[in-house]
N, C-alpha and C. Protein backbone atom coordinates (compact mmCIF):
# COMPACT_ATOMS: atom_id res chain seq x y z
N MET A 1 -67.93 -51.14 110.26
CA MET A 1 -69.01 -50.25 109.89
C MET A 1 -68.62 -49.50 108.62
N ARG A 2 -69.51 -49.47 107.63
CA ARG A 2 -69.19 -48.89 106.33
C ARG A 2 -69.74 -47.48 106.15
N SER A 3 -70.25 -46.88 107.17
CA SER A 3 -70.83 -45.55 106.98
C SER A 3 -69.76 -44.54 106.62
N LYS A 4 -70.12 -43.61 105.77
CA LYS A 4 -69.23 -42.52 105.32
C LYS A 4 -68.03 -43.02 104.53
N SER A 5 -68.08 -44.20 103.95
CA SER A 5 -66.97 -44.65 103.13
C SER A 5 -67.34 -44.47 101.66
N ALA A 6 -66.49 -43.80 100.92
CA ALA A 6 -66.76 -43.51 99.52
C ALA A 6 -65.97 -44.45 98.62
N ARG A 7 -66.36 -44.52 97.37
CA ARG A 7 -65.63 -45.32 96.40
C ARG A 7 -64.31 -44.64 96.08
N LYS A 8 -63.27 -45.44 95.88
CA LYS A 8 -61.95 -44.85 95.65
C LYS A 8 -61.54 -44.88 94.18
N PHE A 9 -62.14 -45.73 93.38
CA PHE A 9 -61.88 -45.83 91.95
C PHE A 9 -60.41 -46.07 91.62
N GLY A 10 -59.63 -46.60 92.55
CA GLY A 10 -58.22 -46.87 92.30
C GLY A 10 -57.39 -45.63 92.05
N ARG A 11 -57.81 -44.52 92.63
CA ARG A 11 -57.13 -43.24 92.43
C ARG A 11 -56.78 -42.61 93.76
N VAL A 12 -55.78 -41.75 93.75
CA VAL A 12 -55.45 -40.99 94.95
C VAL A 12 -56.46 -39.86 95.12
N ARG A 13 -56.45 -39.22 96.29
CA ARG A 13 -57.50 -38.27 96.64
C ARG A 13 -57.62 -37.09 95.66
N LYS A 14 -56.50 -36.52 95.26
CA LYS A 14 -56.53 -35.38 94.34
C LYS A 14 -57.18 -35.76 93.01
N VAL A 15 -56.79 -36.89 92.48
CA VAL A 15 -57.30 -37.32 91.19
C VAL A 15 -58.77 -37.69 91.29
N ARG A 16 -59.15 -38.30 92.41
CA ARG A 16 -60.55 -38.65 92.64
C ARG A 16 -61.43 -37.40 92.70
N ARG A 17 -60.94 -36.37 93.38
CA ARG A 17 -61.69 -35.11 93.47
C ARG A 17 -61.80 -34.44 92.10
N ALA A 18 -60.72 -34.48 91.32
CA ALA A 18 -60.74 -33.89 89.98
C ALA A 18 -61.72 -34.63 89.08
N LEU A 19 -61.76 -35.95 89.19
CA LEU A 19 -62.70 -36.75 88.42
C LEU A 19 -64.13 -36.38 88.78
N ASN A 20 -64.42 -36.29 90.08
CA ASN A 20 -65.77 -35.96 90.52
C ASN A 20 -66.16 -34.56 90.06
N ARG A 21 -65.23 -33.62 90.18
CA ARG A 21 -65.49 -32.24 89.75
C ARG A 21 -65.80 -32.18 88.26
N SER A 22 -65.03 -32.91 87.45
CA SER A 22 -65.25 -32.87 86.01
C SER A 22 -66.56 -33.55 85.61
N LEU A 23 -66.93 -34.61 86.32
CA LEU A 23 -68.21 -35.26 86.03
C LEU A 23 -69.38 -34.36 86.40
N VAL A 24 -69.30 -33.68 87.54
CA VAL A 24 -70.37 -32.76 87.95
C VAL A 24 -70.47 -31.61 86.96
N LEU A 25 -69.33 -31.07 86.54
CA LEU A 25 -69.32 -29.97 85.58
C LEU A 25 -69.95 -30.40 84.26
N ALA A 26 -69.59 -31.59 83.77
CA ALA A 26 -70.15 -32.09 82.52
C ALA A 26 -71.66 -32.29 82.64
N LEU A 27 -72.10 -32.81 83.77
CA LEU A 27 -73.53 -33.03 83.98
C LEU A 27 -74.29 -31.71 83.98
N LEU A 28 -73.76 -30.70 84.65
CA LEU A 28 -74.44 -29.41 84.72
C LEU A 28 -74.40 -28.68 83.37
N GLU A 29 -73.34 -28.85 82.61
CA GLU A 29 -73.24 -28.19 81.30
C GLU A 29 -74.15 -28.85 80.27
N LYS A 30 -74.11 -30.19 80.21
CA LYS A 30 -74.80 -30.91 79.14
C LYS A 30 -76.20 -31.39 79.54
N GLY A 31 -76.44 -31.55 80.82
CA GLY A 31 -77.76 -32.03 81.25
C GLY A 31 -77.82 -33.53 81.42
N ALA A 32 -76.94 -34.27 80.75
CA ALA A 32 -76.91 -35.72 80.87
C ALA A 32 -75.55 -36.23 80.43
N ILE A 33 -75.04 -37.26 81.12
CA ILE A 33 -73.78 -37.89 80.74
C ILE A 33 -73.91 -39.40 80.89
N THR A 34 -73.11 -40.12 80.12
CA THR A 34 -73.05 -41.57 80.22
C THR A 34 -71.71 -41.94 80.85
N THR A 35 -71.77 -42.73 81.91
CA THR A 35 -70.57 -43.14 82.63
C THR A 35 -70.85 -44.48 83.30
N THR A 36 -69.92 -44.97 84.10
CA THR A 36 -70.18 -46.22 84.81
C THR A 36 -71.17 -45.96 85.94
N LEU A 37 -71.83 -46.98 86.39
CA LEU A 37 -72.84 -46.85 87.44
C LEU A 37 -72.23 -46.32 88.73
N ALA A 38 -71.05 -46.82 89.09
CA ALA A 38 -70.40 -46.37 90.33
C ALA A 38 -70.06 -44.89 90.27
N LYS A 39 -69.54 -44.43 89.14
CA LYS A 39 -69.21 -43.01 89.00
C LYS A 39 -70.47 -42.16 89.00
N ALA A 40 -71.54 -42.65 88.40
CA ALA A 40 -72.80 -41.91 88.40
C ALA A 40 -73.34 -41.75 89.82
N LYS A 41 -73.22 -42.82 90.61
CA LYS A 41 -73.71 -42.76 91.99
C LYS A 41 -72.87 -41.82 92.85
N GLU A 42 -71.59 -41.68 92.54
CA GLU A 42 -70.74 -40.75 93.28
C GLU A 42 -70.94 -39.31 92.81
N THR A 43 -71.33 -39.13 91.56
CA THR A 43 -71.52 -37.80 90.99
C THR A 43 -72.81 -37.15 91.48
N ARG A 44 -73.84 -37.94 91.67
CA ARG A 44 -75.17 -37.42 91.99
C ARG A 44 -75.22 -36.50 93.21
N PRO A 45 -74.68 -36.88 94.38
CA PRO A 45 -74.78 -35.99 95.54
C PRO A 45 -74.08 -34.65 95.33
N GLY A 46 -72.93 -34.67 94.67
CA GLY A 46 -72.20 -33.43 94.42
C GLY A 46 -72.99 -32.48 93.53
N ALA A 47 -73.60 -33.02 92.48
CA ALA A 47 -74.38 -32.19 91.56
C ALA A 47 -75.61 -31.62 92.26
N GLU A 48 -76.25 -32.43 93.08
CA GLU A 48 -77.46 -31.95 93.77
C GLU A 48 -77.12 -30.87 94.79
N LYS A 49 -75.98 -30.99 95.45
CA LYS A 49 -75.57 -29.95 96.40
C LYS A 49 -75.28 -28.64 95.68
N ILE A 50 -74.66 -28.71 94.51
CA ILE A 50 -74.36 -27.50 93.73
C ILE A 50 -75.65 -26.84 93.27
N ILE A 51 -76.62 -27.61 92.83
CA ILE A 51 -77.90 -27.05 92.39
C ILE A 51 -78.62 -26.39 93.55
N THR A 52 -78.59 -27.02 94.73
CA THR A 52 -79.22 -26.43 95.91
C THR A 52 -78.54 -25.11 96.28
N LEU A 53 -77.22 -25.05 96.17
CA LEU A 53 -76.51 -23.79 96.41
C LEU A 53 -76.94 -22.74 95.39
N GLY A 54 -77.09 -23.15 94.14
CA GLY A 54 -77.49 -22.22 93.09
C GLY A 54 -78.89 -21.67 93.30
N LYS A 55 -79.76 -22.46 93.91
CA LYS A 55 -81.12 -22.00 94.18
C LYS A 55 -81.14 -20.86 95.19
N LYS A 56 -80.17 -20.84 96.10
CA LYS A 56 -80.10 -19.75 97.08
C LYS A 56 -79.80 -18.43 96.39
N GLY A 57 -78.87 -18.45 95.45
CA GLY A 57 -78.57 -17.27 94.66
C GLY A 57 -77.82 -16.16 95.37
N THR A 58 -77.32 -16.41 96.57
CA THR A 58 -76.57 -15.38 97.29
C THR A 58 -75.15 -15.29 96.75
N LEU A 59 -74.48 -14.22 97.09
CA LEU A 59 -73.10 -14.02 96.65
C LEU A 59 -72.19 -15.12 97.19
N SER A 60 -72.40 -15.48 98.44
CA SER A 60 -71.55 -16.52 99.03
C SER A 60 -71.78 -17.87 98.36
N SER A 61 -73.03 -18.18 98.00
CA SER A 61 -73.28 -19.45 97.32
C SER A 61 -72.67 -19.46 95.92
N LYS A 62 -72.69 -18.31 95.24
CA LYS A 62 -72.06 -18.23 93.92
C LYS A 62 -70.55 -18.43 94.02
N ARG A 63 -69.95 -17.87 95.06
CA ARG A 63 -68.51 -18.04 95.26
C ARG A 63 -68.16 -19.48 95.60
N LEU A 64 -69.03 -20.14 96.37
CA LEU A 64 -68.80 -21.55 96.69
C LEU A 64 -68.86 -22.41 95.43
N ILE A 65 -69.84 -22.14 94.57
CA ILE A 65 -69.95 -22.89 93.31
C ILE A 65 -68.71 -22.67 92.46
N ALA A 66 -68.27 -21.42 92.38
CA ALA A 66 -67.08 -21.10 91.58
C ALA A 66 -65.84 -21.81 92.11
N SER A 67 -65.72 -21.91 93.43
CA SER A 67 -64.53 -22.54 94.00
C SER A 67 -64.61 -24.06 93.93
N ARG A 68 -65.79 -24.62 94.06
CA ARG A 68 -65.92 -26.08 94.08
C ARG A 68 -65.92 -26.70 92.69
N ILE A 69 -66.55 -26.04 91.73
CA ILE A 69 -66.65 -26.62 90.39
C ILE A 69 -65.90 -25.78 89.37
N SER A 70 -66.47 -24.65 88.98
CA SER A 70 -65.83 -23.79 87.99
C SER A 70 -66.54 -22.44 87.96
N PRO A 71 -65.79 -21.36 87.81
CA PRO A 71 -66.44 -20.05 87.72
C PRO A 71 -67.28 -19.90 86.45
N LEU A 72 -67.01 -20.72 85.45
CA LEU A 72 -67.72 -20.62 84.18
C LEU A 72 -69.16 -21.13 84.26
N ILE A 73 -69.47 -21.96 85.23
CA ILE A 73 -70.79 -22.58 85.32
C ILE A 73 -71.73 -21.83 86.25
N VAL A 74 -71.23 -20.82 86.96
CA VAL A 74 -72.02 -20.14 88.00
C VAL A 74 -73.29 -19.52 87.42
N LYS A 75 -73.18 -18.82 86.29
CA LYS A 75 -74.36 -18.17 85.70
C LYS A 75 -75.43 -19.17 85.33
N LYS A 76 -75.02 -20.29 84.75
CA LYS A 76 -75.99 -21.29 84.33
C LYS A 76 -76.68 -21.92 85.53
N VAL A 77 -75.91 -22.25 86.57
CA VAL A 77 -76.49 -22.90 87.75
C VAL A 77 -77.44 -21.94 88.47
N CYS A 78 -76.99 -20.71 88.69
CA CYS A 78 -77.81 -19.76 89.45
C CYS A 78 -78.95 -19.17 88.61
N GLY A 79 -78.87 -19.29 87.30
CA GLY A 79 -79.91 -18.75 86.44
C GLY A 79 -80.86 -19.83 85.96
N ASP A 80 -80.47 -20.52 84.89
CA ASP A 80 -81.35 -21.48 84.22
C ASP A 80 -81.71 -22.66 85.11
N ILE A 81 -80.71 -23.30 85.68
CA ILE A 81 -80.96 -24.52 86.46
C ILE A 81 -81.72 -24.22 87.74
N ALA A 82 -81.36 -23.14 88.44
CA ALA A 82 -82.05 -22.77 89.68
C ALA A 82 -83.51 -22.44 89.41
N GLU A 83 -83.77 -21.76 88.30
CA GLU A 83 -85.15 -21.40 87.94
C GLU A 83 -85.97 -22.66 87.64
N LYS A 84 -85.34 -23.62 86.99
CA LYS A 84 -86.02 -24.86 86.62
C LYS A 84 -86.46 -25.67 87.85
N TYR A 85 -85.63 -25.63 88.92
CA TYR A 85 -85.89 -26.46 90.09
C TYR A 85 -86.32 -25.67 91.32
N LYS A 86 -86.83 -24.45 91.15
CA LYS A 86 -87.16 -23.62 92.31
C LYS A 86 -88.24 -24.22 93.19
N SER A 87 -89.16 -25.00 92.62
CA SER A 87 -90.24 -25.57 93.43
C SER A 87 -89.95 -27.01 93.88
N ARG A 88 -88.80 -27.55 93.50
CA ARG A 88 -88.46 -28.93 93.83
C ARG A 88 -87.45 -28.96 94.97
N ASN A 89 -87.71 -29.78 95.97
CA ASN A 89 -86.79 -29.91 97.10
C ASN A 89 -85.97 -31.18 96.95
N GLY A 90 -84.87 -31.08 96.24
CA GLY A 90 -84.00 -32.24 96.06
C GLY A 90 -84.48 -33.15 94.95
N GLY A 91 -83.71 -34.17 94.66
CA GLY A 91 -84.06 -35.13 93.61
C GLY A 91 -84.00 -34.52 92.23
N TYR A 92 -82.92 -33.79 91.94
CA TYR A 92 -82.80 -33.10 90.67
C TYR A 92 -82.26 -33.99 89.57
N SER A 93 -81.74 -35.15 89.91
CA SER A 93 -81.12 -36.01 88.90
C SER A 93 -81.72 -37.41 88.93
N ARG A 94 -81.48 -38.13 87.83
CA ARG A 94 -82.00 -39.48 87.68
C ARG A 94 -80.90 -40.34 87.08
N ILE A 95 -80.78 -41.57 87.57
CA ILE A 95 -79.79 -42.51 87.03
C ILE A 95 -80.54 -43.66 86.36
N ILE A 96 -80.20 -43.90 85.10
CA ILE A 96 -80.82 -44.99 84.33
C ILE A 96 -79.73 -45.99 83.97
N LYS A 97 -79.93 -47.25 84.30
CA LYS A 97 -78.95 -48.29 83.98
C LYS A 97 -79.04 -48.63 82.50
N LEU A 98 -77.87 -48.79 81.86
CA LEU A 98 -77.82 -49.03 80.42
C LEU A 98 -77.32 -50.42 80.05
N GLY A 99 -76.92 -51.21 81.01
CA GLY A 99 -76.37 -52.52 80.70
C GLY A 99 -74.86 -52.52 80.89
N PHE A 100 -74.20 -53.50 80.31
CA PHE A 100 -72.77 -53.67 80.54
C PHE A 100 -71.97 -53.27 79.30
N ARG A 101 -70.81 -52.69 79.53
CA ARG A 101 -69.91 -52.29 78.45
C ARG A 101 -69.26 -53.54 77.88
N LYS A 102 -69.14 -53.61 76.55
CA LYS A 102 -68.61 -54.82 75.92
C LYS A 102 -67.15 -55.07 76.27
N SER A 103 -66.35 -54.01 76.29
CA SER A 103 -64.90 -54.20 76.43
C SER A 103 -64.49 -54.79 77.78
N ASP A 104 -65.00 -54.24 78.87
CA ASP A 104 -64.56 -54.70 80.18
C ASP A 104 -65.70 -55.16 81.09
N GLY A 105 -66.92 -55.10 80.61
CA GLY A 105 -68.05 -55.59 81.40
C GLY A 105 -68.50 -54.65 82.50
N ALA A 106 -68.05 -53.41 82.48
CA ALA A 106 -68.46 -52.45 83.51
C ALA A 106 -69.92 -52.07 83.30
N GLU A 107 -70.66 -51.96 84.39
CA GLU A 107 -72.07 -51.58 84.29
C GLU A 107 -72.17 -50.09 83.99
N MET A 108 -72.84 -49.75 82.90
CA MET A 108 -72.94 -48.37 82.45
C MET A 108 -74.28 -47.78 82.89
N ALA A 109 -74.28 -46.46 83.03
CA ALA A 109 -75.49 -45.76 83.44
C ALA A 109 -75.50 -44.37 82.82
N ARG A 110 -76.68 -43.83 82.68
CA ARG A 110 -76.85 -42.46 82.19
C ARG A 110 -77.42 -41.65 83.34
N ILE A 111 -76.72 -40.59 83.73
CA ILE A 111 -77.21 -39.71 84.78
C ILE A 111 -77.66 -38.43 84.09
N MET A 112 -78.88 -37.99 84.42
CA MET A 112 -79.43 -36.80 83.77
C MET A 112 -80.18 -35.95 84.78
N LEU A 113 -80.28 -34.69 84.46
CA LEU A 113 -81.07 -33.79 85.28
C LEU A 113 -82.54 -33.98 84.91
N VAL A 114 -83.39 -34.07 85.90
CA VAL A 114 -84.82 -34.34 85.68
C VAL A 114 -85.47 -33.14 85.02
């Protein structure tokens, strides 16, 4: 049974978490990033959970965002991004396939906030 199994990306747990954290941070800061399709699919749930926390706007949710991603992004998530998605229940991001990378043939994708 494959339920609850995540992609490992050939990395140990600490490095995998750091990769996911940095991808989510880049997505929330810039609004869109280009990465491989597998990494985009792993990034999406984390980013959407952070945005949902930001929509609550409570002190505890701000502290969770600061501990999970970065204290520097809290104002943007709880202010601009939360205001943008206040009437939307989930589905804050979109993944667009871009084709294959020339060097190694990895399938590339662009993940962006809707």
